Amino acid sequence: MSKFGGRPGAAGGGMNMNSLMKQAQKMQKDMADLQDELKTCEYSASVGGGAVQATVSGENQIVSLKIDPDAVEPSDVEMLEDLVIAAVNEALRLAKETSETEMAKLTVGMGGLF
């Protein structure tokens, strides 16, 4: 028993909690900073051998869409529509995947706290 009437080492447990809280606060700040950074990133994907290229922001907004003039076939607009959808969806998937991967790097070793 310690001279303060508690269990031996009880004060050390409090220090560990303070350390854990500081780590959690740092991780929260790091996550917020990373989220801000990822919002400024752009992700591009092209389909149809480069016929259609879509670029999206980290905020899931289309930034640009480029269509090769040779891909425009007036008699087959449906194919062009499908290519546009595929390019945009792939760019959005890439943005989401990158965000999840980068966020996971921050939470490694936190024992499932987040």
Foldseek 3Di string as FASTA:
>chain_A
DDPVPDDPCPVVVVVVVVVLVVLVVVLVVVLVVLLVVQQADKFKDADPVRQWMWIAGLVLHTPDIDGDPVVDDPVCVVVVVVRHVVGSVVRVVVSVVVSVVVSVVSCPPSVPPD
